[in-house]
Amino acid sequence: MIIIMIIIIIVTIIIIAMMLVVLTVKTVIILIAMLLLLLIMIILAIIVVVVVIIIIIIIIVMVLFMNNSSCSDLDPYF
């Protein structure tokens, strides 16, 4: 009887330990996944900001060039 009790206790302890390990692994994986998602979101935001800035700069440069060229084109006509 005592041996059976000890075996049952050991088995329950092992099962609880395995469940805890699985839970900790799951939580760690979830945390890592959330961190990766955050990193991806931050990187995407940075890329979007950079692209927007580049587009704005290109538009400004184009407008300036257009103004310059239009002025230089219109000068002889005037």
Foldseek 3Di string as FASTA:
>chain_A
DVVVVVVVVVVVVVVVVVVVVVVVVVVVVVVVVVVVVVVVVVVVVVVVVVVVVVVVVVVVVVVVVVVVVVCVVCVVVD
